[in-house]
């Protein structure tokens, strides 16, 4: 959560200038020209009036009085709100007033489809209203600055969980941006430990878009090479097409730019501290007010409630340095003092490290077969229903081998083949019905070409007289922990 830190007030950049690739003078001229349209001018006034009315009618929040400031960000105080009391419901009057504003914004978009401000604010409030399909259609109708319209389409696709489509749109937007803008949007330094930010920012950035994984060996700026490594390590789930965490950063870039150009629910101007807070921890999904008590002479503080549950997906320095040898602690999701947090929309019930999983290696000539198993049946939080699951293997340059399937049981196993070698393995489970996700990432050593024994694979029961790996897969335990008094079987292979 974020709220004003005491009575301090800073100066934000004056809102109003629409996003554009032109210089400051040209941007101002474009803004004045857009203001000349009376329908757009009316929408601008209505947007600021809506935010003033919303702020004046915010409901009191009784869950933040005991919160302790985790980090000061300019005028703001941030704390991790994952365990907080839910925010109060939005007033019905605000819902009605937002709908009225959206009608005006739709008229403004029809009157001037090339107005960047209108396109952005329309997307913002459709997103607030959770009318994401309409947001996607509105973004498709944007006729303003090409890169800006493309970024709006990427944002709408991200909200809808269309990860690959969002990634493609953001890649196009980055390629269309001016070089300096492109470098700024790609920048991940706010998510890094303070001691590592200087080294990252010192890397040369030519402003080029991040190359696709297939082009990893192509000439690129030094920062781009570092970012490619960062993003595949930070990606929450390899079994999903498109990197939703990277999409989230670029969505936050889009929304903070939109918010900087109009009224906001807070009682002070937009500033860099607001942008930093939202880029690190997300755009608030609700707002409320709190006070220091009856004896506190200060006016109420506005609280922005970020989406929960949220997690820290940034890999630790050991993983960034060498993911093939990094310890399991490099993938902790619940860092107490995190530099960033993200609440995936596909995991609104939770995203956890898998407590029950199993990995085993088997040799096939000069190839390797890795079996990845999971078991979320014993976890009440997962309830019932099928899951999507898989196992991925990554080399030092990124995920290279992946096997996944939909409609699988909550306890199961899959196998994936790869050349002999060391890998970063990831066993992943996603419950579309349960709205939960889990993963276990760990480095696995190379199985020597002359190895005479495979790993042990734990089974629910004995494998019989002539077992095969494929034959025992349905019996694989999703854990290396055995309940007392139970039975188990073992499967292994010898290569004598």
Protein backbone atom coordinates (compact mmCIF):
# COMPACT_ATOMS: atom_id res chain seq x y z
CA UNK A 1 0.00 0.00 0.00
CA UNK A 2 1.06 3.59 -0.49
CA UNK A 3 -0.04 6.71 1.31
CA UNK A 4 1.36 10.21 1.87
CA UNK A 5 4.34 10.25 4.21
CA UNK A 6 3.44 13.01 6.64
CA UNK A 7 2.69 16.47 5.33
CA UNK A 8 5.50 16.60 2.80
CA UNK A 9 4.42 17.62 -0.67
CA UNK A 10 6.46 17.45 -3.84
CA UNK A 11 6.00 18.79 -7.30
CA UNK A 12 5.05 16.41 -10.08
CA UNK A 13 5.48 16.98 -13.78
CA UNK A 14 2.53 19.04 -15.07
CA UNK A 15 0.00 16.69 -16.59
CA UNK A 16 -1.67 17.19 -19.92
CA UNK A 17 0.93 16.58 -22.62
CA UNK A 18 -0.03 13.50 -24.61
CA UNK A 19 2.59 10.81 -25.34
CA UNK A 20 4.36 11.61 -28.56
CA UNK A 21 7.67 11.05 -30.30
CA UNK A 22 7.93 14.78 -31.02
CA UNK A 23 10.00 17.23 -28.99
CA UNK A 24 8.56 19.33 -26.13
CA UNK A 25 7.50 22.21 -28.36
CA UNK A 26 5.77 19.92 -30.80
CA UNK A 27 4.06 18.05 -27.96
CA UNK A 28 2.74 21.32 -26.52
CA UNK A 29 1.45 22.38 -29.91
CA UNK A 30 -0.28 19.05 -30.36
CA UNK A 31 -1.85 19.39 -26.93
CA UNK A 32 -3.21 22.87 -27.67
CA UNK A 33 -4.60 21.65 -30.98
CA UNK A 34 -6.33 18.73 -29.26
CA UNK A 35 -7.75 21.06 -26.63
CA UNK A 36 -9.49 22.99 -29.40
CA UNK A 37 -11.90 20.08 -29.86
CA UNK A 38 -14.77 20.91 -27.49
CA UNK A 39 -15.73 17.25 -26.91
CA UNK A 40 -12.18 16.33 -25.91
CA UNK A 41 -11.94 19.46 -23.72
CA UNK A 42 -15.15 18.48 -21.94
CA UNK A 43 -13.81 14.98 -21.35
CA UNK A 44 -10.63 16.40 -19.81
CA UNK A 45 -12.61 18.53 -17.41
CA UNK A 46 -14.89 15.62 -16.55
CA UNK A 47 -11.93 13.35 -15.85
CA UNK A 48 -10.46 15.73 -13.28
CA UNK A 49 -13.87 16.32 -11.73
CA UNK A 50 -14.39 12.57 -11.41
CA UNK A 51 -11.13 12.12 -9.52
CA UNK A 52 -11.90 15.01 -7.19
CA UNK A 53 -15.32 13.55 -6.42
CA UNK A 54 -13.88 10.07 -5.94
CA UNK A 55 -11.22 11.37 -3.55
CA UNK A 56 -13.72 13.38 -1.49
CA UNK A 57 -15.96 10.33 -1.07
CA UNK A 58 -13.38 7.67 -0.25
CA UNK A 59 -14.39 5.30 2.49
CA UNK A 60 -12.46 4.86 5.72
CA UNK A 61 -10.11 1.86 5.94
CA UNK A 62 -9.73 0.21 9.33
CA UNK A 63 -6.94 -2.17 8.35
CA UNK A 64 -4.05 0.24 7.90
CA UNK A 65 -3.75 1.90 11.30
CA UNK A 66 -1.20 -0.64 12.53
CA UNK A 67 0.72 -0.86 9.26
CA UNK A 68 4.40 -0.04 9.44
CA UNK A 69 6.20 1.78 6.68
CA UNK A 70 8.27 -0.79 4.83
CA UNK A 71 9.89 1.72 2.52
CA UNK A 72 9.77 5.46 1.95
CA UNK A 73 9.42 6.43 -1.70
CA UNK A 74 9.45 10.21 -1.87
CA UNK A 75 6.17 11.45 -0.38
CA UNK A 76 4.86 7.91 -0.08
CA UNK A 77 5.03 5.19 2.52
CA UNK A 78 4.82 1.61 1.18
CA UNK A 79 4.08 -1.59 3.05
CA UNK A 80 3.36 -5.13 1.93
CA UNK A 81 -0.44 -5.47 1.93
CA UNK A 82 -0.65 -9.23 1.29
CA UNK A 83 -1.92 -9.94 4.80
CA UNK A 84 -4.08 -6.85 5.20
CA UNK A 85 -7.81 -6.57 5.67
CA UNK A 86 -9.44 -6.20 2.22
CA UNK A 87 -10.17 -2.60 1.19
CA UNK A 88 -13.72 -1.25 1.48
CA UNK A 89 -16.10 -1.66 -1.43
CA UNK A 90 -16.26 1.17 -3.91
CA UNK A 91 -19.24 3.46 -3.48
CA UNK A 92 -22.07 2.83 -5.95
CA UNK A 93 -22.00 6.53 -6.83
CA UNK A 94 -18.41 6.20 -8.05
CA UNK A 95 -19.38 3.30 -10.29
CA UNK A 96 -22.16 5.38 -11.83
CA UNK A 97 -19.92 8.43 -12.22
CA UNK A 98 -17.22 6.33 -13.91
CA UNK A 99 -19.79 5.02 -16.37
CA UNK A 100 -20.81 8.60 -17.15
CA UNK A 101 -17.16 9.52 -17.68
CA UNK A 102 -16.68 6.57 -20.01
CA UNK A 103 -19.60 7.77 -22.12
CA UNK A 104 -17.91 11.16 -22.47
CA UNK A 105 -14.55 9.54 -23.28
CA UNK A 106 -16.21 7.41 -25.98
CA UNK A 107 -17.69 10.56 -27.52
CA UNK A 108 -14.29 12.25 -27.37
CA UNK A 109 -12.66 9.24 -29.06
CA UNK A 110 -15.27 9.38 -31.82
CA UNK A 111 -14.73 13.11 -32.23
CA UNK A 112 -10.95 12.79 -32.39
CA UNK A 113 -9.64 9.19 -32.71
CA UNK A 114 -6.08 10.55 -32.97
CA UNK A 115 -6.07 12.09 -29.49
CA UNK A 116 -3.57 10.13 -27.40
CA UNK A 117 -4.87 11.46 -24.10
CA UNK A 118 -8.42 10.29 -24.77
CA UNK A 119 -7.28 6.83 -25.89
CA UNK A 120 -5.21 6.38 -22.76
CA UNK A 121 -7.84 7.59 -20.27
CA UNK A 122 -10.52 5.49 -21.93
CA UNK A 123 -8.36 2.38 -21.55
CA UNK A 124 -7.60 3.31 -17.92
CA UNK A 125 -11.22 3.55 -16.82
CA UNK A 126 -12.43 0.56 -18.81
CA UNK A 127 -9.70 -1.36 -17.01
CA UNK A 128 -10.86 -0.03 -13.64
CA UNK A 129 -14.39 -1.18 -14.48
CA UNK A 130 -12.98 -4.61 -15.47
CA UNK A 131 -14.48 -4.21 -18.94
CA UNK A 132 -11.36 -5.67 -20.50
CA UNK A 133 -12.87 -6.85 -23.77
CA UNK A 134 -14.19 -3.32 -24.35
CA UNK A 135 -10.76 -1.97 -23.45
CA UNK A 136 -9.25 -4.15 -26.17
CA UNK A 137 -11.76 -2.87 -28.73
CA UNK A 138 -11.14 0.72 -27.66
CA UNK A 139 -7.38 0.24 -28.05
CA UNK A 140 -7.94 -1.21 -31.52
CA UNK A 141 -9.75 2.00 -32.42
CA UNK A 142 -6.86 4.25 -31.35
CA UNK A 143 -5.58 6.31 -34.30
CA UNK A 144 -3.02 8.45 -32.49
CA UNK A 145 0.73 8.04 -32.12
CA UNK A 146 1.40 4.57 -33.51
CA UNK A 147 3.67 3.27 -30.75
CA UNK A 148 1.31 4.58 -28.09
CA UNK A 149 -1.74 2.90 -29.62
CA UNK A 150 0.25 -0.33 -29.90
CA UNK A 151 1.21 -0.13 -26.21
CA UNK A 152 -2.47 0.33 -25.34
CA UNK A 153 -3.29 -2.83 -27.27
CA UNK A 154 -0.54 -4.69 -25.40
CA UNK A 155 -1.97 -3.51 -22.07
CA UNK A 156 -5.49 -4.65 -22.92
CA UNK A 157 -4.20 -8.05 -24.08
CA UNK A 158 -2.24 -8.42 -20.83
CA UNK A 159 -5.36 -7.74 -18.77
CA UNK A 160 -7.16 -10.45 -20.74
CA UNK A 161 -4.39 -12.99 -20.09
CA UNK A 162 -3.44 -13.17 -23.76
CA UNK A 163 0.25 -13.30 -22.96
CA UNK A 164 1.71 -14.00 -26.39
CA UNK A 165 -0.45 -11.33 -28.03
CA UNK A 166 0.50 -8.79 -25.38
CA UNK A 167 4.20 -9.60 -25.81
CA UNK A 168 3.96 -9.16 -29.58
CA UNK A 169 2.20 -5.81 -29.20
CA UNK A 170 4.74 -4.50 -26.71
CA UNK A 171 7.63 -5.66 -28.91
CA UNK A 172 6.09 -3.67 -31.78
CA UNK A 173 5.58 -0.63 -29.56
CA UNK A 174 9.21 -0.75 -28.41
CA UNK A 175 10.45 -1.02 -31.98
CA UNK A 176 8.39 2.05 -32.96
CA UNK A 177 9.52 4.23 -30.04
CA UNK A 178 12.30 6.81 -30.22
CA UNK A 179 15.54 5.27 -28.96
CA UNK A 180 15.64 7.17 -25.65
CA UNK A 181 12.02 6.29 -24.89
CA UNK A 182 12.69 2.64 -25.71
CA UNK A 183 15.60 2.44 -23.27
CA UNK A 184 13.50 4.07 -20.54
CA UNK A 185 10.60 1.64 -21.00
CA UNK A 186 12.89 -1.39 -20.97
CA UNK A 187 14.69 -0.28 -17.80
CA UNK A 188 14.32 -2.81 -14.94
CA UNK A 189 16.66 -1.09 -12.48
CA UNK A 190 13.89 -0.28 -9.98
CA UNK A 191 13.35 -4.01 -9.49
CA UNK A 192 17.01 -4.69 -8.69
CA UNK A 193 18.83 -4.45 -5.33
CA UNK A 194 20.27 -0.98 -4.83
CA UNK A 195 23.83 -2.31 -4.96
CA UNK A 196 23.24 -3.78 -8.43
CA UNK A 197 21.46 -0.87 -10.05
CA UNK A 198 24.62 1.07 -10.92
CA UNK A 199 26.19 -1.81 -12.82
CA UNK A 200 23.00 -2.37 -14.79
CA UNK A 201 22.57 1.30 -15.69
CA UNK A 202 26.21 1.46 -16.78
CA UNK A 203 25.55 -1.11 -19.50
CA UNK A 204 25.37 0.42 -22.95
CA UNK A 205 21.84 0.77 -24.29
CA UNK A 206 21.37 1.49 -27.98
CA UNK A 207 17.61 1.66 -27.59
CA UNK A 208 16.97 -1.41 -29.70
CA UNK A 209 14.07 -3.70 -28.95
CA UNK A 210 14.91 -6.87 -27.07
CA UNK A 211 15.67 -9.54 -29.66
CA UNK A 212 13.60 -12.71 -29.73
CA UNK A 213 15.17 -15.75 -28.02
CA UNK A 214 15.96 -17.26 -31.41
CA UNK A 215 18.11 -14.24 -32.18
CA UNK A 216 20.05 -14.40 -28.93
CA UNK A 217 23.37 -14.63 -30.78
CA UNK A 218 22.66 -11.63 -32.98
CA UNK A 219 24.59 -8.41 -32.28
CA UNK A 220 22.85 -6.48 -29.54
CA UNK A 221 23.54 -3.78 -26.97
CA UNK A 222 25.06 -4.96 -23.71
CA UNK A 223 21.98 -4.07 -21.72
CA UNK A 224 19.77 -6.00 -24.11
CA UNK A 225 21.83 -9.14 -23.61
CA UNK A 226 21.57 -8.77 -19.84
CA UNK A 227 17.81 -8.18 -20.08
CA UNK A 228 17.23 -11.30 -22.17
CA UNK A 229 18.83 -13.37 -19.42
CA UNK A 230 16.90 -11.53 -16.71
CA UNK A 231 13.50 -12.01 -18.33
CA UNK A 232 13.65 -15.74 -18.90
CA UNK A 233 14.89 -16.26 -15.35
CA UNK A 234 12.18 -14.00 -13.94
CA UNK A 235 9.32 -15.44 -16.02
CA UNK A 236 6.81 -16.86 -13.52
CA UNK A 237 5.75 -19.88 -15.59
CA UNK A 238 7.52 -21.26 -18.66
CA UNK A 239 4.43 -23.31 -19.52
CA UNK A 240 2.64 -20.08 -20.50
CA UNK A 241 3.20 -18.57 -23.93
CA UNK A 242 4.63 -15.09 -23.60
CA UNK A 243 6.31 -13.61 -20.55
CA UNK A 244 3.51 -12.11 -18.46
CA UNK A 245 5.98 -10.50 -16.02
CA UNK A 246 7.62 -8.49 -18.80
CA UNK A 247 4.14 -7.62 -20.06
CA UNK A 248 3.32 -6.44 -16.54
CA UNK A 249 6.27 -4.05 -16.44
CA UNK A 250 5.33 -2.55 -19.80
CA UNK A 251 1.68 -2.34 -18.73
CA UNK A 252 2.80 -0.43 -15.64
CA UNK A 253 4.80 1.90 -17.88
CA UNK A 254 1.67 2.50 -19.95
CA UNK A 255 -0.64 3.12 -16.99
CA UNK A 256 1.74 5.43 -15.13
CA UNK A 257 2.07 7.51 -18.28
CA UNK A 258 -1.72 7.72 -18.53
CA UNK A 259 -2.13 8.65 -14.88
CA UNK A 260 0.52 11.37 -15.13
CA UNK A 261 -1.64 13.19 -17.70
CA UNK A 262 -4.79 13.72 -15.66
CA UNK A 263 -6.40 13.75 -12.25
CA UNK A 264 -5.53 11.02 -9.73
CA UNK A 265 -7.24 9.79 -6.54
CA UNK A 266 -4.55 11.33 -4.32
CA UNK A 267 -4.62 14.87 -2.95
CA UNK A 268 -1.25 15.90 -4.38
CA UNK A 269 0.22 16.18 -7.89
CA UNK A 270 1.65 13.27 -9.81
CA UNK A 271 5.40 12.87 -9.37
CA UNK A 272 8.31 10.49 -9.84
CA UNK A 273 7.60 8.88 -6.46
CA UNK A 274 4.12 7.88 -7.67
CA UNK A 275 5.61 6.38 -10.81
CA UNK A 276 8.26 4.46 -8.86
CA UNK A 277 5.74 3.05 -6.41
CA UNK A 278 3.46 1.76 -9.17
CA UNK A 279 6.30 0.49 -11.35
CA UNK A 280 7.60 -1.56 -8.43
CA UNK A 281 4.42 -2.75 -6.76
CA UNK A 282 1.61 -2.28 -9.26
CA UNK A 283 -1.28 0.04 -9.98
CA UNK A 284 -3.74 0.24 -7.07
CA UNK A 285 -6.96 -1.68 -7.55
CA UNK A 286 -8.82 0.28 -4.86
CA UNK A 287 -8.48 3.41 -2.74
CA UNK A 288 -9.50 4.41 0.76
CA UNK A 289 -8.59 6.90 3.48
CA UNK A 290 -7.15 6.52 6.97
CA UNK A 291 -6.35 8.83 9.86
CA UNK A 292 -3.97 8.81 12.77
CA UNK A 293 -6.86 8.99 15.23
CA UNK A 294 -9.16 11.65 16.66
CA UNK A 295 -6.26 13.58 18.18
CA UNK A 296 -4.27 13.71 14.93
CA UNK A 297 -4.61 17.21 13.42
CA UNK A 298 -3.43 16.09 9.98
CA UNK A 299 -5.97 15.52 7.21
CA UNK A 300 -6.81 11.92 6.25
CA UNK A 301 -4.29 10.09 4.09
CA UNK A 302 -5.28 8.38 0.87
CA UNK A 303 -4.29 4.72 0.58
CA UNK A 304 -3.84 2.91 -2.71
CA UNK A 305 -4.40 -0.85 -2.39
CA UNK A 306 -2.33 -2.88 -4.83
CA UNK A 307 -3.70 -6.24 -6.10
CA UNK A 308 -3.06 -9.27 -3.92
CA UNK A 309 -1.69 -11.86 -3.51
CA UNK A 310 1.52 -10.51 -4.97
CA UNK A 311 5.00 -12.01 -5.17
CA UNK A 312 8.63 -11.19 -5.83
CA UNK A 313 9.61 -12.91 -9.09
CA UNK A 314 13.04 -11.31 -9.49
CA UNK A 315 15.70 -14.04 -9.32
CA UNK A 316 18.45 -13.57 -6.76
CA UNK A 317 21.99 -12.55 -7.80
CA UNK A 318 23.18 -16.18 -7.62
CA UNK A 319 20.64 -17.16 -10.27
CA UNK A 320 21.51 -14.21 -12.49
CA UNK A 321 25.19 -15.09 -12.21
CA UNK A 322 24.83 -18.83 -12.92
CA UNK A 323 21.33 -20.32 -13.04
CA UNK A 324 22.72 -23.85 -13.55
CA UNK A 325 24.32 -23.89 -10.10
CA UNK A 326 22.09 -21.50 -8.14
CA UNK A 327 20.55 -22.86 -4.91
CA UNK A 328 16.81 -23.22 -4.38
CA UNK A 329 16.85 -20.03 -2.29
CA UNK A 330 17.48 -18.08 -5.50
CA UNK A 331 13.80 -18.57 -6.43
CA UNK A 332 12.06 -17.42 -3.24
CA UNK A 333 8.70 -15.80 -4.07
CA UNK A 334 7.86 -14.24 -0.70
CA UNK A 335 10.83 -12.00 0.03
CA UNK A 336 9.89 -9.90 3.10
CA UNK A 337 11.56 -6.71 1.83
CA UNK A 338 11.01 -7.05 -1.90
CA UNK A 339 12.02 -4.49 -4.51
CA UNK A 340 8.99 -5.43 -6.59
CA UNK A 341 5.79 -7.47 -6.37
CA UNK A 342 3.39 -8.78 -8.99
CA UNK A 343 -0.05 -10.37 -8.63
CA UNK A 344 -0.67 -12.63 -11.66
CA UNK A 345 -4.30 -12.55 -12.77
CA UNK A 346 -4.23 -16.31 -13.34
CA UNK A 347 -3.22 -16.93 -9.70
CA UNK A 348 -5.60 -14.78 -7.67
CA UNK A 349 -5.84 -17.60 -5.10
CA UNK A 350 -2.10 -18.02 -4.72
CA UNK A 351 1.26 -18.70 -6.36
CA UNK A 352 3.52 -20.90 -4.27
CA UNK A 353 6.68 -22.93 -4.37
CA UNK A 354 5.58 -26.53 -4.90
CA UNK A 355 6.11 -28.34 -1.59
CA UNK A 356 5.68 -31.73 -3.28
CA UNK A 357 7.57 -32.53 -6.47
CA UNK A 358 10.13 -34.97 -7.85
CA UNK A 359 12.84 -34.79 -10.52
CA UNK A 360 14.79 -37.78 -11.85
CA UNK A 361 17.31 -38.21 -14.72
CA UNK A 362 17.63 -41.14 -17.13
CA UNK A 363 20.14 -41.72 -19.93
CA UNK A 364 19.22 -42.57 -23.51
CA UNK A 365 22.53 -42.92 -25.37
CA UNK A 366 23.82 -39.37 -25.77
CA UNK A 367 20.47 -37.94 -24.65
CA UNK A 368 18.83 -37.27 -21.32
CA UNK A 369 15.28 -37.87 -20.16
CA UNK A 370 14.08 -35.91 -17.14
CA UNK A 371 10.88 -36.88 -15.33
CA UNK A 372 9.14 -34.09 -13.45
CA UNK A 373 6.35 -34.98 -11.04
CA UNK A 374 3.96 -32.95 -8.90
CA UNK A 375 1.30 -33.55 -6.28
CA UNK A 376 -1.16 -30.85 -5.23
CA UNK A 377 -3.92 -33.32 -4.29
CA UNK A 378 -2.92 -33.19 -0.63
CA UNK A 379 -3.14 -29.37 -0.55
CA UNK A 380 -6.65 -28.21 0.38
CA UNK A 381 -6.11 -24.87 -1.31
CA UNK A 382 -6.05 -26.58 -4.70
CA UNK A 383 -9.53 -27.97 -4.29
CA UNK A 384 -10.68 -30.11 -7.22
CA UNK A 385 -10.37 -29.90 -10.98
CA UNK A 386 -7.78 -30.64 -13.62
CA UNK A 387 -4.56 -28.67 -14.04
CA UNK A 388 -2.10 -27.63 -16.71
CA UNK A 389 1.37 -28.88 -15.83
CA UNK A 390 4.78 -29.46 -17.32
CA UNK A 391 8.51 -29.58 -16.86
CA UNK A 392 11.01 -27.32 -18.57
CA UNK A 393 14.78 -27.47 -18.93
CA UNK A 394 16.86 -24.36 -19.47
CA UNK A 395 20.46 -23.93 -20.53
CA UNK A 396 22.54 -20.88 -19.67
CA UNK A 397 20.81 -18.98 -22.50
CA UNK A 398 17.20 -19.80 -21.68
CA UNK A 399 14.46 -22.44 -21.67
CA UNK A 400 15.20 -24.89 -24.46
CA UNK A 401 13.12 -28.01 -23.75
CA UNK A 402 9.56 -28.04 -22.49
CA UNK A 403 6.84 -30.64 -22.15
CA UNK A 404 3.42 -29.61 -20.93
CA UNK A 405 -0.18 -30.72 -21.20
CA UNK A 406 -3.65 -29.52 -20.22
CA UNK A 407 -6.41 -31.33 -18.32
CA UNK A 408 -4.00 -33.34 -16.19
CA UNK A 409 -4.69 -34.77 -12.72
CA UNK A 410 -3.53 -32.89 -9.64
CA UNK A 411 -0.93 -35.63 -9.10
CA UNK A 412 1.07 -36.67 -12.13
CA UNK A 413 4.34 -36.73 -14.02
CA UNK A 414 5.67 -35.83 -17.46
CA UNK A 415 8.96 -36.54 -19.18
CA UNK A 416 11.07 -34.30 -21.38
CA UNK A 417 14.10 -35.22 -23.51
CA UNK A 418 17.26 -33.14 -24.04
CA UNK A 419 20.96 -33.60 -24.83
CA UNK A 420 23.13 -34.71 -21.93
CA UNK A 421 24.14 -31.75 -19.82
CA UNK A 422 23.38 -29.59 -16.79
CA UNK A 423 20.12 -27.65 -16.70
CA UNK A 424 17.88 -25.43 -14.68
CA UNK A 425 14.70 -27.49 -14.28
CA UNK A 426 11.25 -26.13 -13.52
CA UNK A 427 8.25 -28.25 -12.53
CA UNK A 428 5.14 -26.10 -12.96
CA UNK A 429 1.42 -26.46 -12.23
CA UNK A 430 -1.39 -24.06 -13.12
CA UNK A 431 -4.99 -24.56 -12.00
CA UNK A 432 -7.32 -22.59 -14.31
CA UNK A 433 -10.34 -23.41 -12.13
CA UNK A 434 -8.54 -23.04 -8.83
CA UNK A 435 -6.83 -19.80 -9.96
CA UNK A 436 -3.63 -21.10 -8.37
CA UNK A 437 -0.11 -21.71 -9.60
CA UNK A 438 2.94 -23.44 -8.23
CA UNK A 439 6.46 -24.18 -9.35
CA UNK A 440 9.71 -25.74 -8.20
CA UNK A 441 12.94 -24.55 -9.83
CA UNK A 442 16.26 -26.19 -9.16
CA UNK A 443 19.55 -26.83 -10.90
CA UNK A 444 20.24 -30.42 -11.98
CA UNK A 445 23.74 -31.66 -12.65
CA UNK A 446 24.78 -33.35 -15.85
CA UNK A 447 24.37 -37.11 -16.02
CA UNK A 448 27.75 -38.37 -17.18
CA UNK A 449 27.81 -40.15 -20.59
CA UNK A 450 29.26 -43.22 -18.87
CA UNK A 451 26.85 -43.22 -15.93
CA UNK A 452 25.84 -46.76 -15.01
CA UNK A 453 22.81 -45.89 -12.89
CA UNK A 454 19.93 -43.45 -13.28
CA UNK A 455 18.33 -41.50 -10.47
CA UNK A 456 15.76 -43.19 -8.26
CA UNK A 457 12.11 -42.55 -9.10
CA UNK A 458 9.65 -43.04 -6.24
CA UNK A 459 6.38 -44.81 -7.06
CA UNK A 460 3.12 -45.47 -5.27
CA UNK A 461 3.63 -49.22 -5.56
CA UNK A 462 6.05 -51.79 -6.97
CA UNK A 463 6.76 -51.60 -10.70
CA UNK A 464 6.35 -55.28 -11.51
CA UNK A 465 8.68 -57.80 -13.16
CA UNK A 466 9.51 -55.94 -16.40
CA UNK A 467 8.93 -52.22 -15.81
CA UNK A 468 9.53 -49.44 -18.35
CA UNK A 469 9.80 -45.72 -17.73
CA UNK A 470 6.66 -44.95 -19.72
CA UNK A 471 4.85 -47.76 -17.97
CA UNK A 472 5.55 -46.47 -14.47
CA UNK A 473 4.80 -42.78 -15.13
CA UNK A 474 1.18 -43.08 -13.91
CA UNK A 475 2.49 -44.48 -10.62
CA UNK A 476 5.12 -41.80 -9.95
CA UNK A 477 4.81 -40.08 -6.60
CA UNK A 478 4.63 -36.32 -6.76
CA UNK A 479 6.93 -35.99 -3.78
CA UNK A 480 10.08 -37.43 -2.23
CA UNK A 481 8.38 -37.51 1.17
CA UNK A 482 6.67 -40.75 2.18
CA UNK A 483 3.98 -40.95 4.82
CA UNK A 484 4.72 -43.19 7.79
CA UNK A 485 3.13 -46.59 7.46
CA UNK A 486 2.55 -46.26 3.73
CA UNK A 487 3.94 -48.26 0.82
CA UNK A 488 6.17 -47.24 -2.04
CA UNK A 489 7.99 -48.58 -5.05
CA UNK A 490 11.32 -47.71 -6.64
CA UNK A 491 12.22 -47.48 -10.29
CA UNK A 492 15.74 -47.08 -11.63
CA UNK A 493 17.72 -48.02 -14.68
CA UNK A 494 21.18 -49.56 -14.99
CA UNK A 495 23.34 -48.97 -18.07
CA UNK A 496 25.93 -51.73 -17.64
